[in-house]
Protein backbone atom coordinates (compact mmCIF):
# COMPACT_ATOMS: atom_id res chain seq x y z
CA UNK A 1 -37.91 5.37 48.06
CA UNK A 2 -34.75 4.59 46.09
CA UNK A 3 -36.73 4.07 42.89
CA UNK A 4 -38.74 7.27 43.35
CA UNK A 5 -35.67 9.50 43.58
CA UNK A 6 -32.88 7.53 41.87
CA UNK A 7 -32.53 9.89 38.93
CA UNK A 8 -33.60 13.05 40.75
CA UNK A 9 -31.28 13.56 43.72
CA UNK A 10 -28.20 15.69 43.07
CA UNK A 11 -25.01 14.07 44.35
CA UNK A 12 -22.51 16.20 42.43
CA UNK A 13 -20.83 17.15 45.70
CA UNK A 14 -20.08 13.44 46.20
CA UNK A 15 -18.49 12.94 42.78
CA UNK A 16 -15.43 10.73 43.03
CA UNK A 17 -16.30 9.52 46.51
CA UNK A 18 -16.76 5.81 47.23
CA UNK A 19 -20.21 4.24 47.06
CA UNK A 20 -20.16 3.66 50.84
CA UNK A 21 -20.31 7.47 51.21
CA UNK A 22 -22.58 8.20 48.26
CA UNK A 23 -25.34 5.74 49.20
CA UNK A 24 -26.06 7.12 52.71
CA UNK A 25 -25.98 10.67 51.33
CA UNK A 26 -28.45 9.67 48.62
CA UNK A 27 -30.74 7.97 51.14
CA UNK A 28 -30.64 10.94 53.53
CA UNK A 29 -31.49 13.32 50.69
CA UNK A 30 -34.23 11.03 49.39
CA UNK A 31 -35.68 10.94 52.90
CA UNK A 32 -35.60 14.75 53.05
CA UNK A 33 -37.30 14.86 49.65
CA UNK A 34 -39.99 12.44 50.78
CA UNK A 35 -40.67 14.56 53.88
CA UNK A 36 -40.91 17.74 51.80
CA UNK A 37 -43.23 16.00 49.39
CA UNK A 38 -45.39 14.62 52.19
CA UNK A 39 -45.83 17.98 53.90
CA UNK A 40 -46.50 19.99 50.75
CA UNK A 41 -47.92 17.65 48.11
CA UNK A 42 -45.28 18.70 45.56
CA UNK A 43 -44.05 16.25 42.94
CA UNK A 44 -41.02 14.01 43.43
CA UNK A 45 -39.12 16.20 40.97
CA UNK A 46 -39.94 19.36 42.91
CA UNK A 47 -39.13 17.64 46.20
CA UNK A 48 -35.70 16.59 44.89
CA UNK A 49 -35.05 20.21 43.90
CA UNK A 50 -36.02 21.26 47.43
CA UNK A 51 -32.91 19.49 48.77
CA UNK A 52 -30.28 21.96 49.95
CA UNK A 53 -28.23 19.42 51.91
CA UNK A 54 -24.50 19.63 51.62
CA UNK A 55 -21.43 20.92 53.28
CA UNK A 56 -22.27 24.12 55.17
CA UNK A 57 -26.02 23.50 54.94
CA UNK A 58 -26.54 25.08 58.38
CA UNK A 59 -28.70 22.15 59.49
CA UNK A 60 -31.33 22.45 56.77
CA UNK A 61 -31.42 19.53 54.35
CA UNK A 62 -34.49 20.51 52.33
CA UNK A 63 -36.57 23.63 52.00
CA UNK A 64 -39.93 23.50 50.23
CA UNK A 65 -42.29 26.39 49.68
CA UNK A 66 -45.94 25.55 50.17
CA UNK A 67 -47.65 28.40 48.37
CA UNK A 68 -51.15 27.04 48.97
CA UNK A 69 -50.79 27.09 52.76
CA UNK A 70 -48.32 30.00 52.75
CA UNK A 71 -45.50 28.31 54.62
CA UNK A 72 -41.91 27.21 54.35
CA UNK A 73 -41.28 23.57 55.11
CA UNK A 74 -37.80 22.96 56.53
CA UNK A 75 -36.43 19.42 56.74
CA UNK A 76 -33.47 17.98 58.61
CA UNK A 77 -32.89 14.31 57.85
CA UNK A 78 -30.52 11.59 58.92
CA UNK A 79 -30.41 8.19 57.30
CA UNK A 80 -29.92 5.30 59.69
CA UNK A 81 -30.35 1.79 58.28
CA UNK A 82 -31.52 0.51 61.68
CA UNK A 83 -34.13 3.25 62.05
CA UNK A 84 -33.16 3.67 65.70
CA UNK A 85 -31.09 6.85 65.67
CA UNK A 86 -32.66 10.16 66.60
CA UNK A 87 -31.54 13.72 66.15
CA UNK A 88 -28.49 14.48 68.27
CA UNK A 89 -28.35 17.56 70.46
CA UNK A 90 -25.63 18.99 68.20
CA UNK A 91 -27.77 18.51 65.11
CA UNK A 92 -30.78 20.06 66.86
CA UNK A 93 -28.73 23.12 67.80
CA UNK A 94 -27.45 23.37 64.23
CA UNK A 95 -31.03 23.34 62.90
CA UNK A 96 -32.04 25.98 65.43
CA UNK A 97 -29.14 28.19 64.34
CA UNK A 98 -29.99 27.58 60.68
CA UNK A 99 -33.62 28.57 61.22
CA UNK A 100 -32.52 31.75 62.95
CA UNK A 101 -30.16 32.58 60.10
CA UNK A 102 -32.84 31.82 57.52
CA UNK A 103 -35.52 33.93 59.22
CA UNK A 104 -33.02 36.78 59.52
CA UNK A 105 -32.14 36.42 55.82
CA UNK A 106 -28.47 35.63 56.46
CA UNK A 107 -28.12 33.65 53.24
CA UNK A 108 -24.32 33.87 53.27
CA UNK A 109 -24.33 31.29 56.08
CA UNK A 110 -25.82 28.58 53.87
CA UNK A 111 -24.76 26.23 51.12
CA UNK A 112 -24.75 27.41 47.51
CA UNK A 113 -27.87 25.30 46.89
CA UNK A 114 -29.89 27.34 49.37
CA UNK A 115 -28.25 30.62 48.36
CA UNK A 116 -29.37 29.98 44.77
CA UNK A 117 -32.97 30.08 46.01
CA UNK A 118 -32.60 33.38 47.91
CA UNK A 119 -35.07 35.37 45.79
CA UNK A 120 -37.68 32.60 45.91
CA UNK A 121 -37.31 32.21 49.69
CA UNK A 122 -37.40 35.97 50.30
CA UNK A 123 -40.58 36.27 48.23
CA UNK A 124 -42.22 33.50 50.23
């Protein structure tokens, strides 16, 4: 997975942070990209662009538009090196709130990455 997304995942919001913070963020975003790619069949490049993770992401880490099947694919990901951690109740509630905000077109409650895709999401 690291090789597939190493030059594609945007980590500008982690600029200047130590590698111990950048690496888990990269892996979480790569995982979100892989999920988006798996559910839609989009390319790795498109899947990396689907990532909207960041501060104030409202629980949505990636959003892909599957035009063929006419659906939005929303991804929430957490990287855990052990593979044993699940979604916490707090994270689940955050995703639920984010979905509600998204479906009600409250784009101001999301990160700039998702806000930048407002027209595309509204059209879908």
